[in-house]
Amino acid sequence: MKRFEDEGAYKYSFYSVLRRGERIDVKCPKCGGHASIDQRNGQMGWKCYECYAQAFEEPVYQYKAKGNCAVCERWFNVEVTDEKKTSHRSTHVECPHCSSVNQVELHAKPTYQRYFSEICAGKDPVFGLELYFLDDFRGKIIWAVNREHLNYLIAYVSADLREKPGNMPIRTASHSIPAYIKDAKNRDVVVRTLSKLQHKTG
């Protein structure tokens, strides 16, 4: 009898994997080969191991107008969102204390949009790249974010007895697995499909 002990909830979610410094395996949009998404120094990017194409997440700039008011002399730090104003190095800003209009230099700081959405239809939520470990099962998709996740899915689906560790909260990693993958009557076909993905290089 195959026993399986489940793992922590959200372990294989998109952002959890990247936060641990691991990679998400995807298909290169240029050559269709093996590529991966990772995160370094707070910036997310993907690179291909075959054609060496790569790209990075585009930063979104936050603009601040800060200084001492020319009239009341009080310090202010105001975010500027008007695109007509942010296209210039300096702009007119109303003092939040006395409403006097000041000519102030704009300071741009790059930030990265974090929507915290998850993988949908087998594509990552930032670049829209198709996952590398992806296949079709009776019109529905089966996917894994990386090889570790793929091994987890095979172990989970092929197990006769699934256990939750005693100190585990209510949800486990299997919580996000679709019902058609968990269904006992689909076990053999699902395991064969996942095992076929194991043979992919990378």
N, C-alpha and C. Protein backbone atom coordinates (compact mmCIF):
# COMPACT_ATOMS: atom_id res chain seq x y z
N MET A 1 0.84 -1.20 0.00
CA MET A 1 0.00 0.00 0.00
C MET A 1 0.88 1.25 0.00
N LYS A 2 0.61 2.14 -0.94
CA LYS A 2 1.37 3.39 -1.02
C LYS A 2 0.79 4.43 -0.08
N ARG A 3 1.61 4.90 0.87
CA ARG A 3 1.18 5.93 1.80
C ARG A 3 1.75 7.28 1.35
N PHE A 4 0.99 8.32 1.58
CA PHE A 4 1.43 9.66 1.18
C PHE A 4 1.11 10.65 2.30
N GLU A 5 2.11 11.41 2.72
CA GLU A 5 1.89 12.45 3.72
C GLU A 5 1.90 13.80 3.01
N ASP A 6 0.81 14.53 3.13
CA ASP A 6 0.65 15.80 2.41
C ASP A 6 1.58 16.89 2.94
N GLU A 7 1.66 17.97 2.17
CA GLU A 7 2.54 19.09 2.51
C GLU A 7 1.71 20.34 2.82
N GLY A 8 2.42 21.42 3.17
CA GLY A 8 1.76 22.65 3.56
C GLY A 8 0.96 23.31 2.45
N ALA A 9 -0.11 24.00 2.84
CA ALA A 9 -0.97 24.71 1.88
C ALA A 9 -0.19 25.75 1.11
N TYR A 10 -0.53 25.91 -0.14
CA TYR A 10 0.03 26.94 -1.02
C TYR A 10 1.53 26.78 -1.30
N LYS A 11 2.11 25.62 -0.95
CA LYS A 11 3.55 25.43 -1.19
C LYS A 11 3.89 25.59 -2.66
N TYR A 12 2.99 25.16 -3.54
CA TYR A 12 3.27 25.21 -4.97
C TYR A 12 2.52 26.34 -5.68
N SER A 13 2.06 27.33 -4.92
CA SER A 13 1.44 28.49 -5.56
C SER A 13 2.53 29.32 -6.23
N PHE A 14 2.18 30.07 -7.24
CA PHE A 14 3.13 30.82 -8.06
C PHE A 14 4.09 31.67 -7.21
N TYR A 15 3.53 32.51 -6.35
CA TYR A 15 4.38 33.43 -5.58
C TYR A 15 5.14 32.74 -4.46
N SER A 16 4.59 31.66 -3.89
CA SER A 16 5.29 30.92 -2.84
C SER A 16 6.57 30.29 -3.38
N VAL A 17 6.48 29.71 -4.56
CA VAL A 17 7.64 29.10 -5.19
C VAL A 17 8.73 30.14 -5.43
N LEU A 18 8.36 31.29 -5.97
CA LEU A 18 9.34 32.34 -6.27
C LEU A 18 9.94 32.93 -4.99
N ARG A 19 9.12 33.08 -3.96
CA ARG A 19 9.61 33.63 -2.69
C ARG A 19 10.68 32.74 -2.06
N ARG A 20 10.56 31.42 -2.30
CA ARG A 20 11.56 30.48 -1.76
C ARG A 20 12.83 30.47 -2.59
N GLY A 21 12.87 31.26 -3.67
CA GLY A 21 14.06 31.29 -4.52
C GLY A 21 14.09 30.17 -5.54
N GLU A 22 12.94 29.50 -5.73
CA GLU A 22 12.86 28.42 -6.72
C GLU A 22 12.30 28.97 -8.02
N ARG A 23 12.27 28.14 -9.04
CA ARG A 23 11.84 28.62 -10.36
C ARG A 23 10.51 28.01 -10.78
N ILE A 24 9.87 28.71 -11.71
CA ILE A 24 8.65 28.22 -12.36
C ILE A 24 9.06 27.85 -13.78
N ASP A 25 8.85 26.60 -14.18
CA ASP A 25 9.24 26.16 -15.51
C ASP A 25 8.15 26.50 -16.53
N VAL A 26 8.56 27.19 -17.61
CA VAL A 26 7.62 27.64 -18.65
C VAL A 26 8.20 27.36 -20.04
N LYS A 27 7.34 27.52 -21.05
CA LYS A 27 7.79 27.38 -22.44
C LYS A 27 8.24 28.74 -22.94
N CYS A 28 9.36 28.75 -23.64
CA CYS A 28 9.87 30.00 -24.20
C CYS A 28 8.92 30.50 -25.29
N PRO A 29 8.52 31.77 -25.24
CA PRO A 29 7.61 32.29 -26.27
C PRO A 29 8.30 32.48 -27.63
N LYS A 30 9.64 32.43 -27.64
CA LYS A 30 10.39 32.62 -28.88
C LYS A 30 10.60 31.30 -29.62
N CYS A 31 11.11 30.27 -28.90
CA CYS A 31 11.46 29.02 -29.57
C CYS A 31 10.63 27.83 -29.11
N GLY A 32 9.81 28.01 -28.07
CA GLY A 32 8.99 26.90 -27.55
C GLY A 32 9.77 25.95 -26.67
N GLY A 33 11.03 26.26 -26.39
CA GLY A 33 11.88 25.41 -25.56
C GLY A 33 11.66 25.64 -24.07
N HIS A 34 12.56 25.07 -23.28
CA HIS A 34 12.46 25.12 -21.82
C HIS A 34 13.00 26.46 -21.31
N ALA A 35 12.15 27.17 -20.59
CA ALA A 35 12.54 28.45 -19.97
C ALA A 35 12.07 28.42 -18.53
N SER A 36 12.48 29.39 -17.74
CA SER A 36 12.00 29.44 -16.37
C SER A 36 11.86 30.88 -15.90
N ILE A 37 10.94 31.07 -14.96
CA ILE A 37 10.72 32.37 -14.32
C ILE A 37 11.35 32.30 -12.94
N ASP A 38 12.12 33.33 -12.59
CA ASP A 38 12.60 33.42 -11.22
C ASP A 38 12.59 34.88 -10.78
N GLN A 39 12.94 35.09 -9.54
CA GLN A 39 12.90 36.44 -8.98
C GLN A 39 14.24 36.73 -8.31
N ARG A 40 14.86 37.84 -8.73
CA ARG A 40 16.13 38.24 -8.13
C ARG A 40 16.09 39.72 -7.80
N ASN A 41 16.53 40.03 -6.58
CA ASN A 41 16.54 41.42 -6.11
C ASN A 41 15.19 42.10 -6.29
N GLY A 42 14.13 41.35 -6.05
CA GLY A 42 12.79 41.93 -6.13
C GLY A 42 12.23 42.05 -7.53
N GLN A 43 13.04 41.71 -8.57
CA GLN A 43 12.55 41.82 -9.94
C GLN A 43 12.36 40.43 -10.54
N MET A 44 11.23 40.26 -11.19
CA MET A 44 10.91 38.98 -11.80
C MET A 44 11.29 38.98 -13.26
N GLY A 45 11.79 37.83 -13.73
CA GLY A 45 12.16 37.72 -15.14
C GLY A 45 12.11 36.28 -15.60
N TRP A 46 12.15 36.07 -16.92
CA TRP A 46 12.22 34.71 -17.45
C TRP A 46 13.40 34.63 -18.40
N LYS A 47 13.96 33.41 -18.53
CA LYS A 47 15.06 33.19 -19.48
C LYS A 47 14.92 31.80 -20.07
N CYS A 48 15.34 31.67 -21.32
CA CYS A 48 15.27 30.39 -22.03
C CYS A 48 16.62 29.70 -21.98
N TYR A 49 16.61 28.39 -21.73
CA TYR A 49 17.86 27.62 -21.67
C TYR A 49 18.30 27.16 -23.05
N GLU A 50 17.46 27.36 -24.05
CA GLU A 50 17.78 26.87 -25.39
C GLU A 50 18.17 27.98 -26.36
N CYS A 51 17.37 29.05 -26.45
CA CYS A 51 17.71 30.13 -27.39
C CYS A 51 18.25 31.36 -26.65
N TYR A 52 18.28 31.29 -25.31
CA TYR A 52 18.82 32.35 -24.44
C TYR A 52 18.04 33.66 -24.48
N ALA A 53 16.81 33.62 -24.99
CA ALA A 53 15.95 34.81 -24.93
C ALA A 53 15.61 35.07 -23.46
N GLN A 54 15.33 36.32 -23.13
CA GLN A 54 14.94 36.64 -21.76
C GLN A 54 14.16 37.95 -21.72
N ALA A 55 13.44 38.16 -20.65
CA ALA A 55 12.69 39.41 -20.45
C ALA A 55 12.45 39.59 -18.96
N PHE A 56 12.20 40.83 -18.59
CA PHE A 56 11.96 41.15 -17.19
C PHE A 56 10.62 41.84 -17.03
N GLU A 57 10.07 41.72 -15.85
CA GLU A 57 8.80 42.37 -15.53
C GLU A 57 9.00 43.88 -15.65
N GLU A 58 8.08 44.54 -16.32
CA GLU A 58 8.18 45.99 -16.50
C GLU A 58 7.83 46.72 -15.21
N PRO A 59 8.72 47.61 -14.76
CA PRO A 59 8.40 48.35 -13.53
C PRO A 59 7.31 49.39 -13.77
N VAL A 60 6.58 49.68 -12.73
CA VAL A 60 5.60 50.75 -12.74
C VAL A 60 6.19 51.84 -11.85
N TYR A 61 6.24 53.05 -12.34
CA TYR A 61 6.89 54.11 -11.57
C TYR A 61 5.90 54.86 -10.68
N GLN A 62 6.36 55.13 -9.49
CA GLN A 62 5.59 55.93 -8.53
C GLN A 62 6.28 57.29 -8.46
N TYR A 63 5.51 58.36 -8.61
CA TYR A 63 6.08 59.71 -8.64
C TYR A 63 5.72 60.48 -7.39
N LYS A 64 6.74 61.09 -6.79
CA LYS A 64 6.53 61.90 -5.58
C LYS A 64 7.08 63.30 -5.82
N ALA A 65 6.31 64.28 -5.37
CA ALA A 65 6.75 65.69 -5.38
C ALA A 65 7.00 66.05 -3.92
N LYS A 66 8.24 66.35 -3.58
CA LYS A 66 8.53 66.65 -2.18
C LYS A 66 9.46 67.85 -2.05
N GLY A 67 9.24 68.58 -0.97
CA GLY A 67 10.04 69.77 -0.70
C GLY A 67 9.36 70.65 0.33
N ASN A 68 9.95 71.83 0.55
CA ASN A 68 9.36 72.79 1.48
C ASN A 68 8.54 73.79 0.69
N CYS A 69 7.35 74.07 1.19
CA CYS A 69 6.47 75.03 0.53
C CYS A 69 7.13 76.41 0.51
N ALA A 70 7.05 77.08 -0.63
CA ALA A 70 7.65 78.41 -0.78
C ALA A 70 6.92 79.47 0.04
N VAL A 71 5.68 79.20 0.44
CA VAL A 71 4.89 80.18 1.19
C VAL A 71 4.89 79.86 2.69
N CYS A 72 4.41 78.68 3.08
CA CYS A 72 4.32 78.36 4.52
C CYS A 72 5.58 77.65 5.05
N GLU A 73 6.46 77.27 4.14
CA GLU A 73 7.75 76.63 4.46
C GLU A 73 7.64 75.27 5.13
N ARG A 74 6.46 74.67 5.11
CA ARG A 74 6.30 73.34 5.71
C ARG A 74 6.64 72.26 4.68
N TRP A 75 7.19 71.17 5.19
CA TRP A 75 7.60 70.04 4.33
C TRP A 75 6.37 69.28 3.84
N PHE A 76 6.41 68.88 2.57
CA PHE A 76 5.35 68.02 2.04
C PHE A 76 5.96 66.94 1.14
N ASN A 77 5.23 65.87 1.03
CA ASN A 77 5.63 64.74 0.20
C ASN A 77 4.35 64.19 -0.42
N VAL A 78 4.08 64.58 -1.68
CA VAL A 78 2.79 64.28 -2.32
C VAL A 78 3.00 63.34 -3.50
N GLU A 79 2.15 62.30 -3.58
CA GLU A 79 2.21 61.41 -4.75
C GLU A 79 1.48 62.06 -5.91
N VAL A 80 2.10 62.00 -7.09
CA VAL A 80 1.53 62.59 -8.30
C VAL A 80 1.16 61.46 -9.25
N THR A 81 -0.12 61.39 -9.63
CA THR A 81 -0.59 60.30 -10.50
C THR A 81 -1.04 60.80 -11.89
N ASP A 82 -1.18 62.09 -12.06
CA ASP A 82 -1.62 62.67 -13.33
C ASP A 82 -0.53 62.47 -14.38
N GLU A 83 -0.83 61.71 -15.44
CA GLU A 83 0.17 61.40 -16.46
C GLU A 83 0.68 62.63 -17.19
N LYS A 84 -0.14 63.67 -17.27
CA LYS A 84 0.31 64.92 -17.91
C LYS A 84 1.43 65.56 -17.09
N LYS A 85 1.37 65.37 -15.76
CA LYS A 85 2.39 65.93 -14.88
C LYS A 85 3.62 65.03 -14.77
N THR A 86 3.40 63.71 -14.76
CA THR A 86 4.53 62.79 -14.55
C THR A 86 5.45 62.68 -15.77
N SER A 87 5.03 63.21 -16.89
CA SER A 87 5.89 63.17 -18.08
C SER A 87 6.97 64.26 -18.05
N HIS A 88 6.95 65.11 -17.03
CA HIS A 88 7.94 66.19 -16.90
C HIS A 88 8.83 65.96 -15.67
N ARG A 89 9.98 66.63 -15.68
CA ARG A 89 10.91 66.49 -14.54
C ARG A 89 10.40 67.23 -13.30
N SER A 90 9.68 68.29 -13.53
CA SER A 90 9.11 69.02 -12.40
C SER A 90 7.68 69.43 -12.76
N THR A 91 6.90 69.75 -11.74
CA THR A 91 5.51 70.07 -11.99
C THR A 91 4.98 71.01 -10.91
N HIS A 92 3.80 71.56 -11.16
CA HIS A 92 3.14 72.42 -10.18
C HIS A 92 2.31 71.55 -9.24
N VAL A 93 2.54 71.69 -7.95
CA VAL A 93 1.83 70.92 -6.93
C VAL A 93 1.30 71.86 -5.86
N GLU A 94 0.07 71.57 -5.47
CA GLU A 94 -0.55 72.37 -4.41
C GLU A 94 -0.05 71.90 -3.05
N CYS A 95 0.36 72.84 -2.22
CA CYS A 95 0.81 72.51 -0.87
C CYS A 95 -0.37 71.94 -0.08
N PRO A 96 -0.21 70.77 0.54
CA PRO A 96 -1.32 70.17 1.30
C PRO A 96 -1.65 70.94 2.58
N HIS A 97 -0.77 71.86 2.99
CA HIS A 97 -0.98 72.60 4.24
C HIS A 97 -1.68 73.95 4.02
N CYS A 98 -1.18 74.70 2.98
CA CYS A 98 -1.73 76.05 2.79
C CYS A 98 -2.34 76.27 1.40
N SER A 99 -2.32 75.23 0.57
CA SER A 99 -2.88 75.26 -0.79
C SER A 99 -2.14 76.16 -1.78
N SER A 100 -0.97 76.65 -1.40
CA SER A 100 -0.17 77.44 -2.34
C SER A 100 0.40 76.52 -3.41
N VAL A 101 0.51 77.04 -4.63
CA VAL A 101 1.04 76.25 -5.74
C VAL A 101 2.56 76.39 -5.79
N ASN A 102 3.25 75.24 -5.80
CA ASN A 102 4.71 75.21 -5.82
C ASN A 102 5.20 74.51 -7.08
N GLN A 103 6.32 74.98 -7.62
CA GLN A 103 7.00 74.29 -8.73
C GLN A 103 7.99 73.33 -8.06
N VAL A 104 7.77 72.02 -8.23
CA VAL A 104 8.56 71.02 -7.51
C VAL A 104 9.11 69.96 -8.45
N GLU A 105 10.32 69.49 -8.15
CA GLU A 105 10.94 68.40 -8.92
C GLU A 105 10.26 67.08 -8.58
N LEU A 106 10.06 66.26 -9.59
CA LEU A 106 9.44 64.95 -9.38
C LEU A 106 10.50 63.88 -9.16
N HIS A 107 10.24 62.98 -8.22
CA HIS A 107 11.15 61.87 -7.94
C HIS A 107 10.43 60.58 -8.32
N ALA A 108 11.04 59.83 -9.25
CA ALA A 108 10.42 58.58 -9.73
C ALA A 108 11.05 57.37 -9.04
N LYS A 109 10.21 56.47 -8.56
CA LYS A 109 10.68 55.25 -7.90
C LYS A 109 10.02 54.06 -8.58
N PRO A 110 10.82 53.10 -9.07
CA PRO A 110 10.20 51.93 -9.72
C PRO A 110 9.57 51.00 -8.70
N THR A 111 8.38 50.54 -9.01
CA THR A 111 7.71 49.53 -8.18
C THR A 111 7.24 48.44 -9.14
N TYR A 112 6.89 47.29 -8.59
CA TYR A 112 6.44 46.19 -9.43
C TYR A 112 5.03 45.79 -9.03
N GLN A 113 4.17 45.68 -10.05
CA GLN A 113 2.78 45.34 -9.78
C GLN A 113 2.72 43.91 -9.26
N ARG A 114 2.14 43.73 -8.11
CA ARG A 114 1.98 42.39 -7.55
C ARG A 114 0.48 42.14 -7.39
N TYR A 115 -0.07 41.44 -8.37
CA TYR A 115 -1.51 41.20 -8.34
C TYR A 115 -1.87 40.00 -7.46
N PHE A 116 -0.88 39.15 -7.18
CA PHE A 116 -1.08 37.95 -6.38
C PHE A 116 -2.19 37.08 -6.96
N SER A 117 -2.34 37.14 -8.27
CA SER A 117 -3.25 36.21 -8.92
C SER A 117 -2.47 34.92 -9.13
N GLU A 118 -3.18 33.85 -9.44
CA GLU A 118 -2.51 32.57 -9.58
C GLU A 118 -2.51 32.09 -11.03
N ILE A 119 -1.87 30.98 -11.26
CA ILE A 119 -1.79 30.38 -12.59
C ILE A 119 -3.20 30.06 -13.05
N CYS A 120 -3.49 30.44 -14.29
CA CYS A 120 -4.83 30.23 -14.85
C CYS A 120 -4.69 29.66 -16.25
N ALA A 121 -5.43 28.61 -16.56
CA ALA A 121 -5.41 27.96 -17.87
C ALA A 121 -3.99 27.56 -18.27
N GLY A 122 -3.19 27.18 -17.27
CA GLY A 122 -1.83 26.70 -17.55
C GLY A 122 -0.83 27.79 -17.92
N LYS A 123 -1.16 29.06 -17.61
CA LYS A 123 -0.25 30.17 -17.92
C LYS A 123 0.06 30.97 -16.66
N ASP A 124 1.29 31.49 -16.61
CA ASP A 124 1.68 32.25 -15.42
C ASP A 124 0.97 33.61 -15.41
N PRO A 125 0.76 34.21 -14.22
CA PRO A 125 -0.04 35.43 -14.13
C PRO A 125 0.71 36.73 -14.44
N VAL A 126 2.03 36.67 -14.64
CA VAL A 126 2.79 37.90 -14.89
C VAL A 126 3.13 38.07 -16.37
N PHE A 127 3.70 37.04 -16.99
CA PHE A 127 4.12 37.13 -18.39
C PHE A 127 3.15 36.43 -19.35
N GLY A 128 2.23 35.64 -18.79
CA GLY A 128 1.28 34.91 -19.64
C GLY A 128 1.92 33.77 -20.40
N LEU A 129 3.03 33.21 -19.87
CA LEU A 129 3.73 32.12 -20.55
C LEU A 129 3.12 30.77 -20.16
N GLU A 130 3.05 29.87 -21.14
CA GLU A 130 2.51 28.53 -20.89
C GLU A 130 3.50 27.74 -20.05
N LEU A 131 3.00 26.99 -19.09
CA LEU A 131 3.88 26.18 -18.25
C LEU A 131 4.54 25.08 -19.07
N TYR A 132 5.75 24.73 -18.68
CA TYR A 132 6.53 23.71 -19.39
C TYR A 132 5.96 22.32 -19.15
N PHE A 133 5.60 22.04 -17.90
CA PHE A 133 5.02 20.74 -17.55
C PHE A 133 3.50 20.85 -17.66
N LEU A 134 3.00 20.68 -18.87
CA LEU A 134 1.58 20.89 -19.16
C LEU A 134 1.11 19.84 -20.15
N ASP A 135 -0.04 19.26 -19.89
CA ASP A 135 -0.60 18.28 -20.83
C ASP A 135 -2.13 18.34 -20.75
N ASP A 136 -2.75 17.59 -21.66
CA ASP A 136 -4.20 17.57 -21.75
C ASP A 136 -4.71 16.21 -21.27
N PHE A 137 -5.80 16.24 -20.50
CA PHE A 137 -6.41 15.00 -20.01
C PHE A 137 -7.92 15.10 -20.22
N ARG A 138 -8.42 14.39 -21.22
CA ARG A 138 -9.85 14.38 -21.54
C ARG A 138 -10.44 15.78 -21.63
N GLY A 139 -9.72 16.65 -22.34
CA GLY A 139 -10.20 18.02 -22.55
C GLY A 139 -9.91 18.97 -21.41
N LYS A 140 -9.27 18.48 -20.34
CA LYS A 140 -8.91 19.33 -19.22
C LYS A 140 -7.40 19.31 -19.05
N ILE A 141 -6.86 20.41 -18.54
CA ILE A 141 -5.40 20.48 -18.46
C ILE A 141 -4.86 19.95 -17.13
N ILE A 142 -3.67 19.40 -17.22
CA ILE A 142 -2.89 18.97 -16.06
C ILE A 142 -1.56 19.69 -16.15
N TRP A 143 -1.14 20.31 -15.06
CA TRP A 143 0.11 21.05 -15.10
C TRP A 143 0.83 21.02 -13.75
N ALA A 144 2.13 21.30 -13.81
CA ALA A 144 2.94 21.43 -12.60
C ALA A 144 3.85 22.65 -12.79
N VAL A 145 4.11 23.37 -11.71
CA VAL A 145 4.92 24.60 -11.81
C VAL A 145 6.39 24.29 -12.04
N ASN A 146 6.85 23.14 -11.52
CA ASN A 146 8.24 22.73 -11.72
C ASN A 146 8.34 21.23 -11.45
N ARG A 147 9.56 20.68 -11.53
CA ARG A 147 9.73 19.23 -11.39
C ARG A 147 9.35 18.74 -9.99
N GLU A 148 9.65 19.53 -8.97
CA GLU A 148 9.30 19.15 -7.59
C GLU A 148 7.78 19.02 -7.44
N HIS A 149 7.04 19.97 -8.02
CA HIS A 149 5.58 19.93 -7.99
C HIS A 149 5.05 18.72 -8.76
N LEU A 150 5.68 18.42 -9.88
CA LEU A 150 5.29 17.27 -10.70
C LEU A 150 5.46 15.97 -9.90
N ASN A 151 6.58 15.84 -9.19
CA ASN A 151 6.83 14.64 -8.37
C ASN A 151 5.81 14.54 -7.24
N TYR A 152 5.45 15.70 -6.68
CA TYR A 152 4.44 15.74 -5.61
C TYR A 152 3.10 15.22 -6.14
N LEU A 153 2.68 15.70 -7.31
CA LEU A 153 1.40 15.30 -7.89
C LEU A 153 1.35 13.81 -8.17
N ILE A 154 2.44 13.26 -8.70
CA ILE A 154 2.49 11.82 -9.00
C ILE A 154 2.36 11.01 -7.71
N ALA A 155 3.10 11.44 -6.67
CA ALA A 155 3.04 10.75 -5.38
C ALA A 155 1.65 10.83 -4.77
N TYR A 156 1.02 11.99 -4.90
CA TYR A 156 -0.32 12.18 -4.32
C TYR A 156 -1.36 11.33 -5.04
N VAL A 157 -1.38 11.41 -6.38
CA VAL A 157 -2.42 10.72 -7.15
C VAL A 157 -2.26 9.20 -7.07
N SER A 158 -1.02 8.71 -7.05
CA SER A 158 -0.80 7.26 -7.06
C SER A 158 -0.91 6.61 -5.68
N ALA A 159 -1.01 7.42 -4.62
CA ALA A 159 -1.08 6.88 -3.25
C ALA A 159 -2.41 6.20 -2.96
N ASP A 160 -2.35 5.12 -2.20
CA ASP A 160 -3.57 4.43 -1.76
C ASP A 160 -4.11 5.05 -0.48
N LEU A 161 -3.20 5.58 0.34
CA LEU A 161 -3.59 6.19 1.60
C LEU A 161 -2.94 7.56 1.73
N ARG A 162 -3.76 8.59 1.84
CA ARG A 162 -3.26 9.96 1.94
C ARG A 162 -3.47 10.46 3.36
N GLU A 163 -2.39 10.94 3.96
CA GLU A 163 -2.45 11.40 5.34
C GLU A 163 -2.07 12.86 5.46
N LYS A 164 -2.66 13.50 6.45
CA LYS A 164 -2.32 14.89 6.75
C LYS A 164 -1.48 14.90 8.02
N PRO A 165 -0.32 15.55 8.01
CA PRO A 165 0.49 15.60 9.23
C PRO A 165 -0.31 16.19 10.39
N GLY A 166 -0.04 15.70 11.60
CA GLY A 166 -0.79 16.11 12.77
C GLY A 166 -0.76 17.60 13.06
N ASN A 167 0.36 18.28 12.75
CA ASN A 167 0.48 19.71 13.05
C ASN A 167 0.03 20.60 11.90
N MET A 168 -0.54 19.99 10.87
CA MET A 168 -0.91 20.72 9.66
C MET A 168 -2.23 21.47 9.87
N PRO A 169 -2.31 22.73 9.38
CA PRO A 169 -3.59 23.45 9.45
C PRO A 169 -4.64 22.75 8.57
N ILE A 170 -5.83 23.31 8.53
CA ILE A 170 -6.94 22.67 7.82
C ILE A 170 -6.60 22.40 6.35
N ARG A 171 -5.98 23.37 5.68
CA ARG A 171 -5.67 23.19 4.26
C ARG A 171 -4.26 22.62 4.07
N THR A 172 -4.13 21.82 3.03
CA THR A 172 -2.83 21.27 2.67
C THR A 172 -2.57 21.59 1.20
N ALA A 173 -1.42 21.19 0.68
CA ALA A 173 -1.06 21.49 -0.72
C ALA A 173 -2.06 20.87 -1.69
N SER A 174 -2.66 19.75 -1.30
CA SER A 174 -3.61 19.08 -2.21
C SER A 174 -4.93 19.83 -2.34
N HIS A 175 -5.16 20.81 -1.47
CA HIS A 175 -6.41 21.58 -1.50
C HIS A 175 -6.66 22.21 -2.87
N SER A 176 -5.59 22.63 -3.55
CA SER A 176 -5.75 23.33 -4.84
C SER A 176 -5.74 22.39 -6.05
N ILE A 177 -5.60 21.09 -5.82
CA ILE A 177 -5.62 20.15 -6.95
C ILE A 177 -7.06 19.98 -7.43
N PRO A 178 -7.31 20.12 -8.74
CA PRO A 178 -8.69 19.98 -9.26
C PRO A 178 -9.27 18.59 -8.96
N ALA A 179 -10.58 18.54 -8.79
CA ALA A 179 -11.28 17.30 -8.43
C ALA A 179 -11.07 16.20 -9.47
N TYR A 180 -11.00 16.54 -10.77
CA TYR A 180 -10.86 15.51 -11.81
C TYR A 180 -9.50 14.83 -11.75
N ILE A 181 -8.51 15.48 -11.13
CA ILE A 181 -7.20 14.85 -10.95
C ILE A 181 -7.24 13.93 -9.73
N LYS A 182 -7.98 14.33 -8.70
CA LYS A 182 -8.10 13.53 -7.47
C LYS A 182 -9.00 12.31 -7.63
N ASP A 183 -9.91 12.35 -8.59
CA ASP A 183 -10.92 11.30 -8.76
C ASP A 183 -10.25 9.93 -8.95
N ALA A 184 -10.61 8.97 -8.10
CA ALA A 184 -9.99 7.64 -8.13
C ALA A 184 -10.13 6.95 -9.48
N LYS A 185 -11.25 7.18 -10.18
CA LYS A 185 -11.45 6.49 -11.46
C LYS A 185 -10.52 7.02 -12.56
N ASN A 186 -9.95 8.19 -12.34
CA ASN A 186 -9.01 8.75 -13.31
C ASN A 186 -7.55 8.49 -12.95
N ARG A 187 -7.32 7.81 -11.83
CA ARG A 187 -5.96 7.67 -11.29
C ARG A 187 -4.93 7.19 -12.31
N ASP A 188 -5.21 6.05 -12.97
CA ASP A 188 -4.22 5.45 -13.87
C ASP A 188 -3.87 6.39 -15.03
N VAL A 189 -4.89 7.00 -15.62
CA VAL A 189 -4.65 7.89 -16.77
C VAL A 189 -3.89 9.14 -16.32
N VAL A 190 -4.25 9.69 -15.17
CA VAL A 190 -3.58 10.89 -14.66
C VAL A 190 -2.12 10.60 -14.35
N VAL A 191 -1.85 9.46 -13.69
CA VAL A 191 -0.47 9.09 -13.36
C VAL A 191 0.35 8.89 -14.64
N ARG A 192 -0.24 8.26 -15.65
CA ARG A 192 0.47 8.06 -16.93
C ARG A 192 0.79 9.40 -17.58
N THR A 193 -0.19 10.32 -17.54
CA THR A 193 0.01 11.66 -18.14
C THR A 193 1.11 12.42 -17.42
N LEU A 194 1.08 12.39 -16.10
CA LEU A 194 2.11 13.08 -15.31
C LEU A 194 3.48 12.44 -15.48
N SER A 195 3.52 11.11 -15.56
CA SER A 195 4.79 10.40 -15.73
C SER A 195 5.41 10.70 -17.08
N LYS A 196 4.56 10.91 -18.08
CA LYS A 196 5.06 11.28 -19.42
C LYS A 196 5.75 12.66 -19.35
N LEU A 197 5.17 13.55 -18.55
CA LEU A 197 5.78 14.88 -18.39
C LEU A 197 7.15 14.80 -17.69
N GLN A 198 7.34 13.80 -16.84
CA GLN A 198 8.60 13.62 -16.14
C GLN A 198 9.76 13.41 -17.09
N HIS A 199 9.47 12.86 -18.26
CA HIS A 199 10.53 12.54 -19.21
C HIS A 199 10.99 13.76 -20.03
N LYS A 200 10.32 14.89 -19.84
CA LYS A 200 10.75 16.10 -20.56
C LYS A 200 12.09 16.54 -20.00
N THR A 201 12.95 17.04 -20.85
CA THR A 201 14.28 17.49 -20.40
C THR A 201 14.16 18.78 -19.65
N GLY A 202 15.13 19.08 -18.82
CA GLY A 202 15.15 20.34 -18.08
C GLY A 202 14.95 20.15 -16.60
